[in-house]
C-alpha atoms as a PDB file:
ATOM      1  CA  MET A   1      -0.475   9.089  14.049  1.00  0.00           C
ATOM      2  CA  LYS A   2       1.825  12.088  14.933  1.00  0.00           C
ATOM      3  CA  LYS A   3       4.358  12.434  11.025  1.00  0.00           C
ATOM      4  CA  ILE A   4       8.235  11.716  11.292  1.00  0.00           C
ATOM      5  CA  SER A   5      10.370  13.203  10.146  1.00  0.00           C
ATOM      6  CA  ALA A   6      13.745  12.870   9.178  1.00  0.00           C
ATOM      7  CA  LYS A   7      16.358  14.460   6.949  1.00  0.00           C
ATOM      8  CA  ASN A   8      15.630  13.396   3.417  1.00  0.00           C
ATOM      9  CA  THR A   9      13.588  10.936   4.059  1.00  0.00           C
ATOM     10  CA  LEU A  10      13.586   7.848   1.957  1.00  0.00           C
ATOM     11  CA  ILE A  11      12.014   5.607   1.238  1.00  0.00           C
ATOM     12  CA  GLY A  12      14.027   2.422  -0.186  1.00  0.00           C
ATOM     13  CA  MET A  13      11.749   1.328  -2.030  1.00  0.00           C
ATOM     14  CA  VAL A  14      11.401   3.409  -5.099  1.00  0.00           C
ATOM     15  CA  LEU A  15      14.435   1.929  -6.418  1.00  0.00           C
ATOM     16  CA  ILE A  16      12.910  -1.820  -7.103  1.00  0.00           C
ATOM     17  CA  PRO A  17       8.346  -1.001  -8.598  1.00  0.00           C
ATOM     18  CA  ALA A  18       8.891  -4.221  -9.338  1.00  0.00           C
ATOM     19  CA  MET A  19       8.834  -7.160  -6.447  1.00  0.00           C
ATOM     20  CA  PHE A  20       6.966  -6.682  -4.014  1.00  0.00           C
ATOM     21  CA  SER A  21       3.715  -9.403  -3.657  1.00  0.00           C
ATOM     22  CA  GLY A  22       0.818  -6.996  -3.535  1.00  0.00           C
ATOM     23  CA  ALA A  23       3.218  -4.190  -2.029  1.00  0.00           C
ATOM     24  CA  VAL A  24       3.080  -0.490  -4.784  1.00  0.00           C
ATOM     25  CA  LEU A  25       5.576   2.088  -5.159  1.00  0.00           C
ATOM     26  CA  ALA A  26       3.917   5.671  -6.284  1.00  0.00           C
ATOM     27  CA  GLN A  27       3.368   5.966  -9.923  1.00  0.00           C
ATOM     28  CA  GLY A  28       0.700   6.775 -11.082  1.00  0.00           C
ATOM     29  CA  ILE A  29      -1.160   5.743 -15.429  1.00  0.00           C
ATOM     30  CA  ASP A  30      -4.436   6.756 -16.831  1.00  0.00           C
ATOM     31  CA  GLN A  31      -5.780   4.841 -19.276  1.00  0.00           C
ATOM     32  CA  ASP A  32      -3.017   5.621 -21.930  1.00  0.00           C
ATOM     33  CA  ARG A  33       0.201   5.067 -19.819  1.00  0.00           C
ATOM     34  CA  SER A  34       0.499   8.771 -20.024  1.00  0.00           C
ATOM     35  CA  VAL A  35       2.280   9.466 -16.162  1.00  0.00           C
ATOM     36  CA  LYS A  36      -1.076  12.185 -14.525  1.00  0.00           C
ATOM     37  CA  LYS A  37      -1.388  10.584 -11.273  1.00  0.00           C
ATOM     38  CA  PRO A  38       1.653  10.273  -9.064  1.00  0.00           C
ATOM     39  CA  GLU A  39      -0.322   8.507  -6.792  1.00  0.00           C
ATOM     40  CA  ALA A  40      -1.555   5.606  -8.031  1.00  0.00           C
ATOM     41  CA  TYR A  41      -0.802   3.179  -9.630  1.00  0.00           C
ATOM     42  CA  GLY A  42       3.286   1.631  -9.997  1.00  0.00           C
ATOM     43  CA  VAL A  43       5.447   1.532 -13.111  1.00  0.00           C
ATOM     44  CA  ASP A  44       8.087   1.189 -14.504  1.00  0.00           C
ATOM     45  CA  ASP A  45      11.271   2.971 -16.500  1.00  0.00           C
ATOM     46  CA  ARG A  46       9.581   2.588 -19.740  1.00  0.00           C
ATOM     47  CA  GLY A  47       6.536   4.200 -18.239  1.00  0.00           C
ATOM     48  CA  VAL A  48       4.814   0.793 -17.575  1.00  0.00           C
ATOM     49  CA  VAL A  49       2.721  -0.476 -15.208  1.00  0.00           C
ATOM     50  CA  ALA A  50       3.871  -2.594 -13.017  1.00  0.00           C
ATOM     51  CA  ARG A  51       2.766  -6.036 -10.931  1.00  0.00           C
ATOM     52  CA  ASN A  52       3.151  -8.499  -9.068  1.00  0.00           C
ATOM     53  CA  THR A  53       4.553 -11.987  -9.200  1.00  0.00           C
ATOM     54  CA  THR A  54       1.024 -12.609  -9.738  1.00  0.00           C
ATOM     55  CA  GLY A  55       0.180 -10.500 -12.367  1.00  0.00           C
ATOM     56  CA  LEU A  56      -1.433  -7.796  -9.951  1.00  0.00           C
ATOM     57  CA  CYS A  57      -1.321  -3.992 -11.021  1.00  0.00           C
ATOM     58  CA  TRP A  58       0.600  -2.715  -8.285  1.00  0.00           C
ATOM     59  CA  HIS A  59      -1.492  -0.212  -6.376  1.00  0.00           C
ATOM     60  CA  THR A  60      -0.218   2.825  -4.015  1.00  0.00           C
ATOM     61  CA  GLY A  61      -2.017   3.996  -0.971  1.00  0.00           C
ATOM     62  CA  TYR A  62      -3.420   6.998  -2.394  1.00  0.00           C
ATOM     63  CA  TRP A  63      -4.513   4.634  -4.774  1.00  0.00           C
ATOM     64  CA  THR A  64      -8.731   5.681  -4.927  1.00  0.00           C
ATOM     65  CA  PRO A  65     -11.212   3.852  -6.743  1.00  0.00           C
ATOM     66  CA  ALA A  66     -12.143   6.932  -8.988  1.00  0.00           C
ATOM     67  CA  MET A  67      -8.444   6.403 -10.349  1.00  0.00           C
ATOM     68  CA  ALA A  68      -8.872   2.876 -11.331  1.00  0.00           C
ATOM     69  CA  ILE A  69      -8.076   2.132 -14.123  1.00  0.00           C
ATOM     70  CA  PRO A  70      -9.744  -1.143 -16.884  1.00  0.00           C
ATOM     71  CA  GLU A  71      -6.614  -2.704 -17.634  1.00  0.00           C
ATOM     72  CA  CYS A  72      -5.447  -2.752 -13.848  1.00  0.00           C
ATOM     73  CA  ASP A  73      -9.729  -2.615 -11.972  1.00  0.00           C
ATOM     74  CA  PRO A  74     -12.066  -3.393 -14.493  1.00  0.00           C
ATOM     75  CA  ASP A  75     -14.547  -3.513 -11.812  1.00  0.00           C
ATOM     76  CA  LEU A  76     -14.075  -0.080 -10.121  1.00  0.00           C
ATOM     77  CA  ALA A  77     -13.062   1.185 -13.887  1.00  0.00           C
ATOM     78  CA  LYS A  78     -16.517   0.804 -14.709  1.00  0.00           C
ATOM     79  CA  LYS A  79     -17.875   3.135 -11.841  1.00  0.00           C
ATOM     80  CA  ALA A  80     -15.726   5.287 -11.164  1.00  0.00           C
ATOM     81  CA  GLU A  81     -16.476   8.976 -12.843  1.00  0.00           C
ATOM     82  CA  VAL A  82     -15.446  10.480 -16.045  1.00  0.00           C
ATOM     83  CA  ALA A  83     -12.851  13.396 -14.224  1.00  0.00           C
ATOM     84  CA  SER A  84     -11.073  16.096 -16.075  1.00  0.00           C
ATOM     85  CA  ALA A  85      -8.353  16.100 -17.441  1.00  0.00           C
ATOM     86  CA  PRO A  86      -5.365  17.084 -14.573  1.00  0.00           C
ATOM     87  CA  ALA A  87      -2.736  19.771 -14.115  1.00  0.00           C
ATOM     88  CA  GLU A  88       0.795  18.655 -15.917  1.00  0.00           C
ATOM     89  CA  VAL A  89       2.860  16.751 -13.368  1.00  0.00           C
ATOM     90  CA  PRO A  90       6.235  19.605 -12.826  1.00  0.00           C
ATOM     91  CA  ALA A  91       8.725  17.185 -13.622  1.00  0.00           C
ATOM     92  CA  ALA A  92      10.508  17.810 -10.542  1.00  0.00           C
ATOM     93  CA  ALA A  93       7.538  16.921  -8.585  1.00  0.00           C
ATOM     94  CA  ALA A  94       7.546  13.639 -10.563  1.00  0.00           C
ATOM     95  CA  LYS A  95      11.069  11.943  -9.280  1.00  0.00           C
ATOM     96  CA  THR A  96       9.647  13.080  -5.954  1.00  0.00           C
ATOM     97  CA  ALA A  97       9.929   9.399  -3.926  1.00  0.00           C
ATOM     98  CA  PRO A  98       7.212   8.682  -1.800  1.00  0.00           C
ATOM     99  CA  GLU A  99       6.777   8.823   1.107  1.00  0.00           C
ATOM    100  CA  LYS A 100       5.153   5.290   2.467  1.00  0.00           C
ATOM    101  CA  ILE A 101       4.337   2.134   0.778  1.00  0.00           C
ATOM    102  CA  THR A 102       0.893   0.502   0.694  1.00  0.00           C
ATOM    103  CA  PHE A 103       1.116  -3.925   1.382  1.00  0.00           C
ATOM    104  CA  SER A 104      -2.720  -5.017   0.169  1.00  0.00           C
ATOM    105  CA  ALA A 105      -2.943  -6.743   3.596  1.00  0.00           C
ATOM    106  CA  ASP A 106      -4.868  -9.533   1.778  1.00  0.00           C
ATOM    107  CA  ALA A 107      -1.936 -10.174   0.082  1.00  0.00           C
ATOM    108  CA  LEU A 108      -0.056 -10.855   4.188  1.00  0.00           C
ATOM    109  CA  PHE A 109      -2.712 -12.419   4.847  1.00  0.00           C
ATOM    110  CA  ASP A 110      -6.237 -14.457   4.737  1.00  0.00           C
ATOM    111  CA  PHE A 111      -9.460 -12.288   5.281  1.00  0.00           C
ATOM    112  CA  ASP A 112      -9.998 -12.166   9.281  1.00  0.00           C
ATOM    113  CA  ARG A 113      -6.543 -13.262  10.077  1.00  0.00           C
ATOM    114  CA  ALA A 114      -3.576 -12.210  11.374  1.00  0.00           C
ATOM    115  CA  THR A 115      -1.177 -14.785  10.770  1.00  0.00           C
ATOM    116  CA  LEU A 116       1.028 -14.320   7.501  1.00  0.00           C
ATOM    117  CA  LYS A 117       0.551 -15.879   4.844  1.00  0.00           C
ATOM    118  CA  PRO A 118       3.714 -17.690   2.368  1.00  0.00           C
ATOM    119  CA  ASN A 119       3.270 -14.965   0.148  1.00  0.00           C
ATOM    120  CA  GLY A 120       2.953 -12.120   2.820  1.00  0.00           C
ATOM    121  CA  ILE A 121       6.556 -13.641   4.072  1.00  0.00           C
ATOM    122  CA  GLN A 122       7.711 -13.093   0.403  1.00  0.00           C
ATOM    123  CA  ALA A 123       6.757 -10.307   0.393  1.00  0.00           C
ATOM    124  CA  LEU A 124       8.110  -8.915   3.714  1.00  0.00           C
ATOM    125  CA  ASN A 125      11.466 -10.646   3.068  1.00  0.00           C
ATOM    126  CA  GLU A 126      12.026  -8.513  -0.879  1.00  0.00           C
ATOM    127  CA  PHE A 127      11.177  -5.601   2.251  1.00  0.00           C
ATOM    128  CA  VAL A 128      13.711  -5.781   3.987  1.00  0.00           C
ATOM    129  CA  SER A 129      16.737  -7.128   1.072  1.00  0.00           C
ATOM    130  CA  ALA A 130      15.280  -3.599  -0.708  1.00  0.00           C
ATOM    131  CA  ILE A 131      16.391  -1.571   2.431  1.00  0.00           C
ATOM    132  CA  GLN A 132      19.420  -3.206   3.148  1.00  0.00           C
ATOM    133  CA  GLY A 133      22.364  -0.138   2.767  1.00  0.00           C
ATOM    134  CA  ILE A 134      20.117   2.135   3.823  1.00  0.00           C
ATOM    135  CA  LYS A 135      20.869   3.948   6.437  1.00  0.00           C
ATOM    136  CA  TYR A 136      17.474   4.812   7.953  1.00  0.00           C
ATOM    137  CA  ASP A 137      15.975   5.832  11.612  1.00  0.00           C
ATOM    138  CA  LEU A 138      12.966   4.159  11.627  1.00  0.00           C
ATOM    139  CA  ILE A 139      10.311   2.148  10.312  1.00  0.00           C
ATOM    140  CA  ILE A 140       6.227   2.644  10.753  1.00  0.00           C
ATOM    141  CA  ALA A 141       3.974  -0.289  10.074  1.00  0.00           C
ATOM    142  CA  VAL A 142       0.319   1.514   9.835  1.00  0.00           C
ATOM    143  CA  GLY A 143      -2.243  -1.611   9.712  1.00  0.00           C
ATOM    144  CA  TYR A 144      -6.144  -0.576   8.412  1.00  0.00           C
ATOM    145  CA  ALA A 145      -9.018  -3.126   7.874  1.00  0.00           C
ATOM    146  CA  ASP A 146     -12.579  -2.315   6.053  1.00  0.00           C
ATOM    147  CA  ARG A 147     -15.197  -1.894   7.600  1.00  0.00           C
ATOM    148  CA  ILE A 148     -16.725  -4.395   7.613  1.00  0.00           C
ATOM    149  CA  GLY A 149     -17.785  -5.892  11.394  1.00  0.00           C
ATOM    150  CA  SER A 150     -17.943  -2.917  14.543  1.00  0.00           C
ATOM    151  CA  ASP A 151     -15.093  -0.284  15.772  1.00  0.00           C
ATOM    152  CA  ASP A 152     -13.219  -2.476  18.662  1.00  0.00           C
ATOM    153  CA  TYR A 153     -13.069  -5.721  16.144  1.00  0.00           C
ATOM    154  CA  ASN A 154     -11.266  -4.024  13.328  1.00  0.00           C
ATOM    155  CA  LYS A 155      -8.667  -1.357  15.132  1.00  0.00           C
ATOM    156  CA  ASN A 156      -7.672  -5.003  16.887  1.00  0.00           C
ATOM    157  CA  LEU A 157      -7.072  -6.258  14.220  1.00  0.00           C
ATOM    158  CA  SER A 158      -5.201  -3.889  12.459  1.00  0.00           C
ATOM    159  CA  VAL A 159      -3.055  -3.538  15.416  1.00  0.00           C
ATOM    160  CA  ARG A 160      -2.241  -7.388  15.643  1.00  0.00           C
ATOM    161  CA  ARG A 161      -1.536  -7.211  11.628  1.00  0.00           C
ATOM    162  CA  ALA A 162       0.902  -4.175  12.437  1.00  0.00           C
ATOM    163  CA  GLU A 163       2.173  -6.922  15.230  1.00  0.00           C
ATOM    164  CA  SER A 164       2.848  -9.451  12.761  1.00  0.00           C
ATOM    165  CA  VAL A 165       4.519  -7.070   9.893  1.00  0.00           C
ATOM    166  CA  LYS A 166       7.100  -6.211  12.675  1.00  0.00           C
ATOM    167  CA  ALA A 167       7.391  -9.603  14.186  1.00  0.00           C
ATOM    168  CA  HIS A 168       8.863 -10.770  11.278  1.00  0.00           C
ATOM    169  CA  LEU A 169      10.896  -7.615  10.412  1.00  0.00           C
ATOM    170  CA  VAL A 170      12.290  -8.665  13.360  1.00  0.00           C
ATOM    171  CA  SER A 171      12.955 -11.962  12.663  1.00  0.00           C
ATOM    172  CA  ARG A 172      14.594 -10.521   9.240  1.00  0.00           C
ATOM    173  CA  GLY A 173      17.457  -8.721  12.055  1.00  0.00           C
ATOM    174  CA  ILE A 174      15.931  -5.624  12.256  1.00  0.00           C
ATOM    175  CA  GLU A 175      15.904  -4.011  15.456  1.00  0.00           C
ATOM    176  CA  PRO A 176      13.130  -3.980  17.568  1.00  0.00           C
ATOM    177  CA  SER A 177      13.471  -0.133  19.348  1.00  0.00           C
ATOM    178  CA  ARG A 178      13.159   0.755  15.007  1.00  0.00           C
ATOM    179  CA  VAL A 179      10.529  -0.696  13.995  1.00  0.00           C
ATOM    180  CA  PHE A 180       6.620   1.724  15.129  1.00  0.00           C
ATOM    181  CA  VAL A 181       3.469  -0.220  14.949  1.00  0.00           C
ATOM    182  CA  ASP A 182      -0.072   1.130  14.670  1.00  0.00           C
ATOM    183  CA  GLY A 183      -3.422  -0.001  13.918  1.00  0.00           C
ATOM    184  CA  LYS A 184      -6.417   2.437  12.565  1.00  0.00           C
ATOM    185  CA  GLY A 185      -8.898   0.418  12.024  1.00  0.00           C
ATOM    186  CA  GLU A 186     -11.239   0.995   9.331  1.00  0.00           C
ATOM    187  CA  ALA A 187      -9.761   4.707   9.524  1.00  0.00           C
ATOM    188  CA  ASN A 188      -9.366   6.268   6.651  1.00  0.00           C
ATOM    189  CA  PRO A 189     -11.095   4.329   3.358  1.00  0.00           C
ATOM    190  CA  VAL A 190      -9.777   4.345   0.314  1.00  0.00           C
ATOM    191  CA  THR A 191     -12.327   2.871  -1.469  1.00  0.00           C
ATOM    192  CA  GLY A 192     -14.794   5.852  -0.051  1.00  0.00           C
ATOM    193  CA  ASN A 193     -18.460   5.476  -0.377  1.00  0.00           C
ATOM    194  CA  SER A 194     -17.910   3.299  -3.381  1.00  0.00           C
ATOM    195  CA  CYS A 195     -18.923  -0.172  -2.034  1.00  0.00           C
ATOM    196  CA  VAL A 196     -22.945  -1.149  -1.085  1.00  0.00           C
ATOM    197  CA  GLY A 197     -24.300  -2.471   1.505  1.00  0.00           C
ATOM    198  CA  GLU A 198     -23.899  -3.662   4.630  1.00  0.00           C
ATOM    199  CA  LYS A 199     -23.741  -7.499   5.232  1.00  0.00           C
ATOM    200  CA  LYS A 200     -21.060  -9.760   4.845  1.00  0.00           C
ATOM    201  CA  THR A 201     -21.314 -10.378   1.607  1.00  0.00           C
ATOM    202  CA  LYS A 202     -18.602 -11.764  -1.034  1.00  0.00           C
ATOM    203  CA  ALA A 203     -19.051  -8.923  -3.411  1.00  0.00           C
ATOM    204  CA  LEU A 204     -18.857  -6.294  -0.241  1.00  0.00           C
ATOM    205  CA  ILE A 205     -15.865  -8.097   1.084  1.00  0.00           C
ATOM    206  CA  ASP A 206     -13.681  -7.284  -3.027  1.00  0.00           C
ATOM    207  CA  CYS A 207     -14.759  -4.476  -3.452  1.00  0.00           C
ATOM    208  CA  LEU A 208     -12.935  -3.256   0.329  1.00  0.00           C
ATOM    209  CA  ALA A 209     -10.156  -4.896  -0.484  1.00  0.00           C
ATOM    210  CA  PRO A 210      -8.176  -2.086  -1.324  1.00  0.00           C
ATOM    211  CA  ASP A 211      -9.125  -0.791   2.401  1.00  0.00           C
ATOM    212  CA  ARG A 212      -7.507  -3.600   3.912  1.00  0.00           C
ATOM    213  CA  ARG A 213      -3.598  -2.799   3.866  1.00  0.00           C
ATOM    214  CA  VAL A 214      -0.462  -1.739   5.985  1.00  0.00           C
ATOM    215  CA  GLU A 215       1.359   1.259   5.230  1.00  0.00           C
ATOM    216  CA  ILE A 216       4.774   0.835   6.343  1.00  0.00           C
ATOM    217  CA  GLU A 217       7.366   4.377   6.061  1.00  0.00           C
ATOM    218  CA  VAL A 218      10.835   3.596   6.495  1.00  0.00           C
ATOM    219  CA  ALA A 219      12.234   7.807   6.605  1.00  0.00           C
ATOM    220  CA  GLY A 220      16.531   7.482   7.313  1.00  0.00           C
ATOM    221  CA  THR A 221      19.055   9.226   4.963  1.00  0.00           C
ATOM    222  CA  LYS A 222      21.722   7.955   3.523  1.00  0.00           C
END
C-alpha cells in the first residue's frame, strides 16, 4: 500500500497509552523496564509497561517475538535470542509519535471471523473518542491474517475485517470518504519463523496470534 503522508502526521492515540483493549502504542521496554526499544511495547509516562483492561501488555506494530519480555510474553521470551544491547535512543527520537496503532484481531474478532466482538466494539469506540479534536485527513485500516489457510482465503478475511472496522467507525460519525481499507492477508508476519508447524493446532494458532491484526493509521494536522 502506498504510504499516505500529510503535514505534521500524527496519531491521536499517543496521548492515551492505556485506553485501548488489544491496542498498543509505540514505546518498548526491555526486561529491566528501561526505555530502549521505542517500537516494541507501550509504556505510560512513568516508563512502566502499559496494559489493557484485561491485564495484557500492549504490542506496537513493530513488535516481534525477539522483543518479548517475560512479564508480558513469557513463552515467547524463552524462545527469544539474546541480543546485544541496542544503541541508546536519542531523546528527540523517543518523543516521535508512532505512525500507526495496532489492534489485535483476536481482541476485535473471534478466530476466523470478521464480526466485531463486544470488546472489539469497545476498543474502537475508545479509538474514536481519542481522535476527537484532531483535524485528520485520512484514516487507514489494514487487516492482516496468519498463515493458516490459503492465500486467497486469508486475503479475503483480512479485507472483511478491515471493512468491519470501517463500518463501525462510520457508525460512530466518521465520514466514509475519510476511511481507506485494505487487506494484506498473511503478508508481513511479525512472528517471522518462530512458529513451527502447518496443522491448525491450538499451539500454532496461539503462536501466530500477533500476525492476526488490524493496523490503523491516522494522518492529519493539528
